[in-house]
């Protein structure tokens, strides 16, 4: 569900930085989005490790705890592999749509007995 792109650059106080990307789909309103996070690994004054999620330069809550849809504020959100939302949007914009099913025309045949061979 995540894609680890490798060791990022170290920030002040961070012992390691890893970049992960996620795709999200809201099951309430259908909105889809993707986000890349820098996950900073730190050690506090008592020697305990903790992580900070950073998105677009801001510290944010972990996207794994209780993701929130930016469109409807719903919390029924599915987390997907990165690239899933972008590939779905690309497919929708390519114009390869399947025509809607409609009534099927059957050839007209007169009622009555079938002709003899």
C-alpha atoms as a PDB file:
ATOM      1  CA  UNK A   1       0.000   0.000   0.000  1.00  0.00           C
ATOM      2  CA  UNK A   2       2.962   2.275   0.290  1.00  0.00           C
ATOM      3  CA  UNK A   3       5.831   2.923  -1.960  1.00  0.00           C
ATOM      4  CA  UNK A   4       9.097   3.615  -0.231  1.00  0.00           C
ATOM      5  CA  UNK A   5      11.228   5.749  -2.458  1.00  0.00           C
ATOM      6  CA  UNK A   6      14.328   5.563  -0.343  1.00  0.00           C
ATOM      7  CA  UNK A   7      16.206   7.575   2.211  1.00  0.00           C
ATOM      8  CA  UNK A   8      15.363  11.269   2.077  1.00  0.00           C
ATOM      9  CA  UNK A   9      17.538  14.089   3.315  1.00  0.00           C
ATOM     10  CA  UNK A  10      17.918  14.420   7.076  1.00  0.00           C
ATOM     11  CA  UNK A  11      16.213  17.360   8.792  1.00  0.00           C
ATOM     12  CA  UNK A  12      17.128  18.968  12.087  1.00  0.00           C
ATOM     13  CA  UNK A  13      16.722  16.369  14.813  1.00  0.00           C
ATOM     14  CA  UNK A  14      15.695  13.566  12.460  1.00  0.00           C
ATOM     15  CA  UNK A  15      17.715  10.364  12.483  1.00  0.00           C
ATOM     16  CA  UNK A  16      16.230   9.243   9.140  1.00  0.00           C
ATOM     17  CA  UNK A  17      13.689  10.442   6.584  1.00  0.00           C
ATOM     18  CA  UNK A  18      11.741   8.074   4.338  1.00  0.00           C
ATOM     19  CA  UNK A  19       9.344   9.134   1.585  1.00  0.00           C
ATOM     20  CA  UNK A  20       6.089   7.214   1.147  1.00  0.00           C
ATOM     21  CA  UNK A  21       3.229   7.858  -1.237  1.00  0.00           C
ATOM     22  CA  UNK A  22      -0.407   6.834  -0.824  1.00  0.00           C
ATOM     23  CA  UNK A  23      -3.549   7.044  -2.923  1.00  0.00           C
ATOM     24  CA  UNK A  24      -6.908   7.533  -1.221  1.00  0.00           C
ATOM     25  CA  UNK A  25     -10.507   6.986  -2.310  1.00  0.00           C
ATOM     26  CA  UNK A  26     -13.473   8.224  -0.287  1.00  0.00           C
ATOM     27  CA  UNK A  27     -16.191   5.581  -0.099  1.00  0.00           C
ATOM     28  CA  UNK A  28     -18.720   8.240   0.920  1.00  0.00           C
ATOM     29  CA  UNK A  29     -18.462  10.772  -1.928  1.00  0.00           C
ATOM     30  CA  UNK A  30     -16.160   9.052  -4.438  1.00  0.00           C
ATOM     31  CA  UNK A  31     -13.396  11.665  -4.310  1.00  0.00           C
ATOM     32  CA  UNK A  32      -9.879  10.365  -4.970  1.00  0.00           C
ATOM     33  CA  UNK A  33      -6.520  11.953  -4.221  1.00  0.00           C
ATOM     34  CA  UNK A  34      -2.855  11.127  -3.762  1.00  0.00           C
ATOM     35  CA  UNK A  35      -0.299  12.440  -1.296  1.00  0.00           C
ATOM     36  CA  UNK A  36       3.410  11.963  -0.710  1.00  0.00           C
ATOM     37  CA  UNK A  37       4.723  12.090   2.854  1.00  0.00           C
ATOM     38  CA  UNK A  38       8.181  12.488   4.295  1.00  0.00           C
ATOM     39  CA  UNK A  39       8.300  10.349   7.410  1.00  0.00           C
ATOM     40  CA  UNK A  40      10.855  11.725   9.826  1.00  0.00           C
ATOM     41  CA  UNK A  41      12.232   9.381  12.478  1.00  0.00           C
ATOM     42  CA  UNK A  42      13.206  11.139  15.718  1.00  0.00           C
ATOM     43  CA  UNK A  43      14.377  10.245  19.222  1.00  0.00           C
ATOM     44  CA  UNK A  44      12.986  12.209  22.185  1.00  0.00           C
ATOM     45  CA  UNK A  45      14.898  13.308  25.313  1.00  0.00           C
ATOM     46  CA  UNK A  46      14.058  10.000  27.031  1.00  0.00           C
ATOM     47  CA  UNK A  47      15.460   7.938  24.149  1.00  0.00           C
ATOM     48  CA  UNK A  48      12.059   6.896  22.761  1.00  0.00           C
ATOM     49  CA  UNK A  49      11.621   6.903  19.001  1.00  0.00           C
ATOM     50  CA  UNK A  50       8.712   8.607  17.259  1.00  0.00           C
ATOM     51  CA  UNK A  51       7.839   9.612  13.714  1.00  0.00           C
ATOM     52  CA  UNK A  52       6.448  12.784  12.170  1.00  0.00           C
ATOM     53  CA  UNK A  53       4.536  12.791   8.895  1.00  0.00           C
ATOM     54  CA  UNK A  54       5.306  15.837   6.751  1.00  0.00           C
ATOM     55  CA  UNK A  55       3.202  16.716   3.680  1.00  0.00           C
ATOM     56  CA  UNK A  56       3.824  19.827   1.609  1.00  0.00           C
ATOM     57  CA  UNK A  57       6.230  21.115   4.265  1.00  0.00           C
ATOM     58  CA  UNK A  58       3.713  20.814   7.151  1.00  0.00           C
ATOM     59  CA  UNK A  59       3.588  18.248   9.938  1.00  0.00           C
ATOM     60  CA  UNK A  60       0.310  16.343   9.541  1.00  0.00           C
ATOM     61  CA  UNK A  61      -1.385  13.423  11.301  1.00  0.00           C
ATOM     62  CA  UNK A  62      -0.527   9.935  10.110  1.00  0.00           C
ATOM     63  CA  UNK A  63      -2.647   9.095   7.069  1.00  0.00           C
ATOM     64  CA  UNK A  64      -3.030   5.569   8.442  1.00  0.00           C
ATOM     65  CA  UNK A  65      -4.807   6.467  11.697  1.00  0.00           C
ATOM     66  CA  UNK A  66      -8.038   8.124  10.543  1.00  0.00           C
ATOM     67  CA  UNK A  67      -7.810   9.580   7.044  1.00  0.00           C
ATOM     68  CA  UNK A  68     -10.248  12.378   6.287  1.00  0.00           C
ATOM     69  CA  UNK A  69     -11.667  13.139   2.844  1.00  0.00           C
ATOM     70  CA  UNK A  70     -10.820  16.727   1.873  1.00  0.00           C
ATOM     71  CA  UNK A  71     -14.025  16.884  -0.167  1.00  0.00           C
ATOM     72  CA  UNK A  72     -16.703  15.735   2.291  1.00  0.00           C
ATOM     73  CA  UNK A  73     -14.797  15.365   5.610  1.00  0.00           C
ATOM     74  CA  UNK A  74     -15.846  11.694   5.694  1.00  0.00           C
ATOM     75  CA  UNK A  75     -13.692   9.044   7.327  1.00  0.00           C
ATOM     76  CA  UNK A  76     -14.720   6.047   5.234  1.00  0.00           C
ATOM     77  CA  UNK A  77     -11.546   6.230   3.157  1.00  0.00           C
ATOM     78  CA  UNK A  78      -9.763   3.397   1.387  1.00  0.00           C
ATOM     79  CA  UNK A  79      -5.977   3.587   1.160  1.00  0.00           C
ATOM     80  CA  UNK A  80      -4.539   2.327  -2.132  1.00  0.00           C
ATOM     81  CA  UNK A  81      -1.188   1.857  -3.805  1.00  0.00           C
ATOM     82  CA  UNK A  82       0.247   5.102  -5.149  1.00  0.00           C
ATOM     83  CA  UNK A  83      -0.704   5.870  -8.737  1.00  0.00           C
ATOM     84  CA  UNK A  84      -4.156   4.261  -8.583  1.00  0.00           C
ATOM     85  CA  UNK A  85      -6.079   7.543  -8.544  1.00  0.00           C
ATOM     86  CA  UNK A  86      -3.944   9.064 -11.304  1.00  0.00           C
ATOM     87  CA  UNK A  87      -4.334   5.998 -13.528  1.00  0.00           C
ATOM     88  CA  UNK A  88      -8.121   6.036 -13.047  1.00  0.00           C
ATOM     89  CA  UNK A  89      -8.264   9.732 -13.973  1.00  0.00           C
ATOM     90  CA  UNK A  90      -6.097   9.136 -17.045  1.00  0.00           C
ATOM     91  CA  UNK A  91      -8.359   6.327 -18.199  1.00  0.00           C
ATOM     92  CA  UNK A  92     -11.443   8.520 -17.761  1.00  0.00           C
ATOM     93  CA  UNK A  93      -9.907  11.341 -19.806  1.00  0.00           C
ATOM     94  CA  UNK A  94      -8.749   9.113 -22.673  1.00  0.00           C
ATOM     95  CA  UNK A  95     -12.297   8.907 -23.936  1.00  0.00           C
ATOM     96  CA  UNK A  96     -12.345   5.134 -24.267  1.00  0.00           C
ATOM     97  CA  UNK A  97     -15.816   4.660 -22.987  1.00  0.00           C
ATOM     98  CA  UNK A  98     -17.964   1.632 -23.501  1.00  0.00           C
ATOM     99  CA  UNK A  99     -21.341   2.554 -24.970  1.00  0.00           C
ATOM    100  CA  UNK A 100     -24.266   2.038 -22.656  1.00  0.00           C
ATOM    101  CA  UNK A 101     -26.254  -1.125 -23.243  1.00  0.00           C
ATOM    102  CA  UNK A 102     -29.623  -0.515 -24.786  1.00  0.00           C
ATOM    103  CA  UNK A 103     -32.414  -2.422 -26.444  1.00  0.00           C
ATOM    104  CA  UNK A 104     -31.293  -5.066 -28.896  1.00  0.00           C
ATOM    105  CA  UNK A 105     -33.033  -5.084 -32.249  1.00  0.00           C
ATOM    106  CA  UNK A 106     -34.190  -8.508 -33.317  1.00  0.00           C
ATOM    107  CA  UNK A 107     -35.106  -9.186 -36.949  1.00  0.00           C
ATOM    108  CA  UNK A 108     -38.830  -9.236 -37.620  1.00  0.00           C
ATOM    109  CA  UNK A 109     -40.283 -12.570 -38.638  1.00  0.00           C
ATOM    110  CA  UNK A 110     -43.885 -13.104 -39.640  1.00  0.00           C
ATOM    111  CA  UNK A 111     -45.928 -15.260 -37.321  1.00  0.00           C
ATOM    112  CA  UNK A 112     -47.008 -18.571 -38.604  1.00  0.00           C
ATOM    113  CA  UNK A 113     -45.628 -21.959 -39.384  1.00  0.00           C
ATOM    114  CA  UNK A 114     -42.017 -22.257 -40.400  1.00  0.00           C
ATOM    115  CA  UNK A 115     -41.461 -22.976 -44.074  1.00  0.00           C
ATOM    116  CA  UNK A 116     -40.815 -26.623 -45.005  1.00  0.00           C
ATOM    117  CA  UNK A 117     -37.411 -27.537 -46.351  1.00  0.00           C
END
